[in-house]
Amino acid sequence: MGEMLSIKLDDQLLKKLETVAKARKVSKSSLVRKGIELVLLQEESLSGELVKQVSEALRDNQRVPVHIDWHHIEKELSQSAPKWETLPEAMSASRKREWKE
């Protein structure tokens, strides 16, 4: 067996995880492990293929074949709450020192 990993989930995500795990009759750990495996496999295949496609497009002076679903991004952002109210607050927290524009 491998190393134990501890993660924090917000209440909404935990509730979804419990619901899906119960419906599939598997443990939450098993479901999270499978999800991580799928994400990593997808990342490996996408990154290699995407690099190849972008390289070919740039070599051939063609448009880079990247699609961005702005509607999906906008939807995700509309359902989230910012941790910091302003850019200086976010940058100060990120850099661990005061940030000025």
Protein backbone atom coordinates (compact mmCIF):
# COMPACT_ATOMS: atom_id res chain seq x y z
CA MET A 1 0.00 0.00 0.00
CA GLY A 2 1.13 3.54 -0.67
CA GLU A 3 1.29 6.69 1.38
CA MET A 4 -1.75 8.10 3.17
CA LEU A 5 -2.95 11.49 1.93
CA SER A 6 -5.14 13.87 3.89
CA ILE A 7 -7.34 16.42 2.10
CA LYS A 8 -9.87 19.02 3.16
CA LEU A 9 -13.18 19.25 1.32
CA ASP A 10 -15.84 21.87 1.72
CA ASP A 11 -19.23 20.65 2.93
CA GLN A 12 -20.83 20.75 -0.51
CA LEU A 13 -18.09 18.71 -2.16
CA LEU A 14 -18.02 16.21 0.71
CA LYS A 15 -21.77 15.72 0.45
CA LYS A 16 -21.50 15.07 -3.31
CA LEU A 17 -18.64 12.63 -2.71
CA GLU A 18 -20.67 10.74 -0.09
CA THR A 19 -23.71 10.59 -2.38
CA VAL A 20 -21.78 9.24 -5.35
CA ALA A 21 -19.79 6.77 -3.25
CA LYS A 22 -22.98 5.45 -1.67
CA ALA A 23 -24.71 5.15 -5.05
CA ARG A 24 -21.75 3.22 -6.49
CA LYS A 25 -21.36 1.17 -3.29
CA VAL A 26 -17.69 2.07 -2.91
CA SER A 27 -15.71 3.89 -0.25
CA LYS A 28 -15.06 7.62 -0.48
CA SER A 29 -11.33 6.86 -0.57
CA SER A 30 -11.79 4.49 -3.49
CA LEU A 31 -13.80 7.09 -5.40
CA VAL A 32 -11.24 9.85 -4.74
CA ARG A 33 -8.38 7.53 -5.76
CA LYS A 34 -10.17 6.67 -9.04
CA GLY A 35 -10.84 10.35 -9.69
CA ILE A 36 -7.19 11.22 -9.21
CA GLU A 37 -6.15 8.39 -11.54
CA LEU A 38 -8.53 9.64 -14.23
CA VAL A 39 -7.33 13.23 -13.95
CA LEU A 40 -3.68 12.19 -14.16
CA LEU A 41 -4.28 9.90 -17.13
CA GLN A 42 -6.20 12.63 -18.91
CA GLU A 43 -3.48 15.15 -18.12
CA GLU A 44 -0.77 12.87 -19.48
CA SER A 45 -2.58 12.17 -22.72
CA LEU A 46 -3.74 15.76 -23.22
CA SER A 47 -0.42 17.38 -22.45
CA GLY A 48 1.51 15.16 -24.85
CA GLU A 49 -1.02 15.46 -27.64
CA LEU A 50 -1.55 19.17 -27.08
CA VAL A 51 2.18 19.90 -27.18
CA LYS A 52 2.40 17.98 -30.44
CA GLN A 53 -0.57 19.83 -31.99
CA VAL A 54 0.65 23.25 -30.85
CA SER A 55 4.16 22.55 -32.12
CA GLU A 56 2.84 21.47 -35.52
CA ALA A 57 0.54 24.49 -35.77
CA LEU A 58 3.34 26.89 -34.91
CA ARG A 59 5.73 25.15 -37.33
CA ASP A 60 3.15 25.36 -40.13
CA ASN A 61 2.14 28.94 -39.24
CA GLN A 62 -1.41 27.77 -38.48
CA ARG A 63 -3.85 28.62 -35.74
CA VAL A 64 -3.11 26.89 -32.44
CA PRO A 65 -5.82 24.24 -31.84
CA VAL A 66 -6.85 25.26 -28.34
CA HIS A 67 -10.51 25.67 -27.44
CA ILE A 68 -11.46 27.63 -24.36
CA ASP A 69 -15.00 27.23 -23.09
CA TRP A 70 -15.53 30.75 -21.76
CA HIS A 71 -19.18 30.01 -20.93
CA HIS A 72 -18.10 27.18 -18.64
CA ILE A 73 -15.41 29.34 -17.01
CA GLU A 74 -17.88 32.18 -16.49
CA LYS A 75 -20.38 29.76 -14.93
CA GLU A 76 -17.74 28.33 -12.58
CA LEU A 77 -16.64 31.80 -11.54
CA SER A 78 -20.21 32.96 -10.92
CA GLN A 79 -20.66 30.07 -8.47
CA SER A 80 -17.52 30.85 -6.51
CA ALA A 81 -16.76 33.46 -3.89
CA PRO A 82 -13.44 35.29 -3.97
CA LYS A 83 -11.20 34.72 -0.97
CA TRP A 84 -9.89 38.29 -1.23
CA GLU A 85 -11.85 41.39 -2.13
CA THR A 86 -9.10 43.21 -3.99
CA LEU A 87 -6.02 42.50 -6.08
CA PRO A 88 -3.65 44.03 -3.50
CA GLU A 89 -5.11 41.74 -0.80
CA ALA A 90 -4.68 38.67 -3.00
CA MET A 91 -1.14 39.59 -4.05
CA SER A 92 -0.12 40.41 -0.47
CA ALA A 93 -1.41 37.04 0.71
CA SER A 94 0.29 35.23 -2.17
CA ARG A 95 3.64 36.96 -1.68
CA LYS A 96 3.39 37.01 2.13
CA ARG A 97 4.24 40.72 2.17
CA GLU A 98 2.47 43.97 1.41
CA TRP A 99 1.85 44.52 -2.29
CA LYS A 100 1.13 47.89 -3.86
CA GLU A 101 -0.09 48.58 -7.36
